[in-house]
Protein backbone atom coordinates (compact mmCIF):
# COMPACT_ATOMS: atom_id res chain seq x y z
CA UNK A 1 -7.86 -17.19 -118.76
CA UNK A 2 -5.92 -16.06 -115.73
CA UNK A 3 -5.98 -12.61 -114.18
CA UNK A 4 -3.23 -10.12 -114.81
CA UNK A 5 -2.60 -8.93 -111.25
CA UNK A 6 -0.04 -6.45 -112.51
CA UNK A 7 -2.86 -4.28 -113.88
CA UNK A 8 -4.38 -4.06 -110.38
CA UNK A 9 -1.26 -3.19 -108.38
CA UNK A 10 -2.75 -0.21 -106.52
CA UNK A 11 -5.83 -2.17 -105.40
CA UNK A 12 -3.74 -5.20 -104.50
CA UNK A 13 -1.40 -3.07 -102.39
CA UNK A 14 -4.28 -1.61 -100.37
CA UNK A 15 -5.95 -4.98 -99.95
CA UNK A 16 -2.72 -6.78 -99.08
CA UNK A 17 -1.96 -4.24 -96.34
CA UNK A 18 -5.52 -4.58 -95.01
CA UNK A 19 -5.18 -8.38 -95.09
CA UNK A 20 -1.89 -8.26 -93.16
CA UNK A 21 -3.36 -5.96 -90.50
CA UNK A 22 -6.51 -8.04 -90.07
CA UNK A 23 -4.63 -11.36 -89.90
CA UNK A 24 -1.90 -9.95 -87.64
CA UNK A 25 0.97 -10.65 -90.02
CA UNK A 26 4.03 -8.53 -90.59
CA UNK A 27 5.81 -8.29 -93.92
CA UNK A 28 8.43 -10.60 -92.49
CA UNK A 29 5.92 -13.24 -91.41
CA UNK A 30 4.27 -13.03 -94.85
CA UNK A 31 7.70 -13.58 -96.35
CA UNK A 32 8.36 -16.65 -94.22
CA UNK A 33 4.93 -18.18 -94.79
CA UNK A 34 4.83 -17.63 -98.55
CA UNK A 35 8.53 -18.25 -99.22
CA UNK A 36 8.81 -14.87 -100.93
CA UNK A 37 11.85 -12.78 -99.97
CA UNK A 38 11.25 -9.78 -97.74
CA UNK A 39 12.65 -7.34 -100.35
CA UNK A 40 10.20 -8.79 -102.90
CA UNK A 41 7.33 -8.26 -100.43
CA UNK A 42 8.40 -4.61 -100.21
CA UNK A 43 8.40 -4.35 -104.01
CA UNK A 44 4.91 -5.86 -104.18
CA UNK A 45 3.63 -3.36 -101.62
CA UNK A 46 5.29 -0.47 -103.46
CA UNK A 47 3.90 -1.79 -106.75
CA UNK A 48 7.22 -1.37 -108.48
CA UNK A 49 10.43 -3.17 -109.37
CA UNK A 50 8.87 -6.38 -110.65
CA UNK A 51 7.86 -7.13 -114.19
CA UNK A 52 4.34 -8.34 -114.92
CA UNK A 53 5.24 -12.04 -114.93
CA UNK A 54 7.15 -11.87 -111.62
CA UNK A 55 4.41 -9.83 -109.95
CA UNK A 56 1.67 -12.21 -111.08
CA UNK A 57 3.67 -15.22 -109.88
CA UNK A 58 4.19 -13.71 -106.40
CA UNK A 59 0.50 -12.78 -105.95
CA UNK A 60 -0.48 -16.30 -107.00
CA UNK A 61 1.97 -17.64 -104.42
CA UNK A 62 0.39 -15.50 -101.67
CA UNK A 63 -3.11 -16.63 -102.70
CA UNK A 64 -2.00 -20.26 -102.60
CA UNK A 65 -0.27 -19.85 -99.22
CA UNK A 66 -3.46 -18.61 -97.56
CA UNK A 67 -5.85 -20.68 -99.74
CA UNK A 68 -7.50 -17.50 -101.09
CA UNK A 69 -9.66 -17.14 -104.18
CA UNK A 70 -7.80 -15.98 -107.29
CA UNK A 71 -9.46 -12.55 -107.26
CA UNK A 72 -9.19 -12.02 -103.48
CA UNK A 73 -6.85 -9.03 -103.58
CA UNK A 74 -8.61 -7.45 -106.55
CA UNK A 75 -12.04 -7.26 -104.94
CA UNK A 76 -12.53 -4.53 -102.30
CA UNK A 77 -11.73 -5.60 -98.75
CA UNK A 78 -13.35 -3.89 -95.81
CA UNK A 79 -10.77 -2.55 -93.41
CA UNK A 80 -11.47 -2.72 -89.71
CA UNK A 81 -8.98 0.08 -89.13
CA UNK A 82 -10.86 3.31 -88.49
CA UNK A 83 -9.97 6.26 -90.66
CA UNK A 84 -10.88 8.73 -87.90
CA UNK A 85 -10.22 8.66 -84.18
CA UNK A 86 -12.64 10.16 -81.72
CA UNK A 87 -11.39 11.23 -78.33
CA UNK A 88 -13.24 12.00 -75.12
CA UNK A 89 -13.64 15.63 -76.12
CA UNK A 90 -15.40 14.41 -79.35
CA UNK A 91 -12.82 15.90 -81.69
CA UNK A 92 -12.23 13.79 -84.81
CA UNK A 93 -8.68 13.53 -86.08
CA UNK A 94 -8.28 12.24 -89.63
CA UNK A 95 -4.50 12.06 -89.86
CA UNK A 96 -1.69 11.06 -87.53
CA UNK A 97 1.08 13.47 -86.73
CA UNK A 98 4.53 12.82 -88.16
CA UNK A 99 5.79 12.00 -84.66
CA UNK A 100 3.12 9.32 -84.21
CA UNK A 101 3.85 7.89 -87.66
CA UNK A 102 7.55 7.72 -86.81
CA UNK A 103 6.84 5.98 -83.49
CA UNK A 104 4.52 3.46 -85.14
CA UNK A 105 7.08 2.75 -87.85
CA UNK A 106 9.67 2.14 -85.12
CA UNK A 107 7.28 -0.18 -83.32
CA UNK A 108 6.68 -2.09 -86.55
CA UNK A 109 10.45 -2.53 -86.94
CA UNK A 110 10.74 -3.84 -83.38
CA UNK A 111 7.91 -6.30 -84.00
CA UNK A 112 9.57 -7.53 -87.18
CA UNK A 113 12.84 -8.10 -85.33
CA UNK A 114 10.92 -9.92 -82.58
CA UNK A 115 9.24 -12.13 -85.17
CA UNK A 116 12.70 -13.38 -86.21
CA UNK A 117 12.93 -15.13 -82.85
CA UNK A 118 9.50 -16.76 -83.04
CA UNK A 119 9.26 -20.29 -84.28
């Protein structure tokens, strides 16, 4: 009996994003490595737009690409990304400002464009 990944979309999304961060991959590099289109990668991360059969097929493809166990994205992954930042004045900040989020999104776009030129 195979797993129905479609039933675990929220967990898979979180774990896939953690996996990408930890392995240093962008959505574009994941697309190139797994031979899944970039728009489909976006749909997988959003957890929408694909029917159950398509979704399951794409997750199996990602698992096969990286030689991962079948249940890899269903089991909890430990993120190395801190949820709080501590500064020299010992103030903990739990959320980024909208300006920082916008800048980081822009940086991510630049890195994805740069990855187009990598072989």
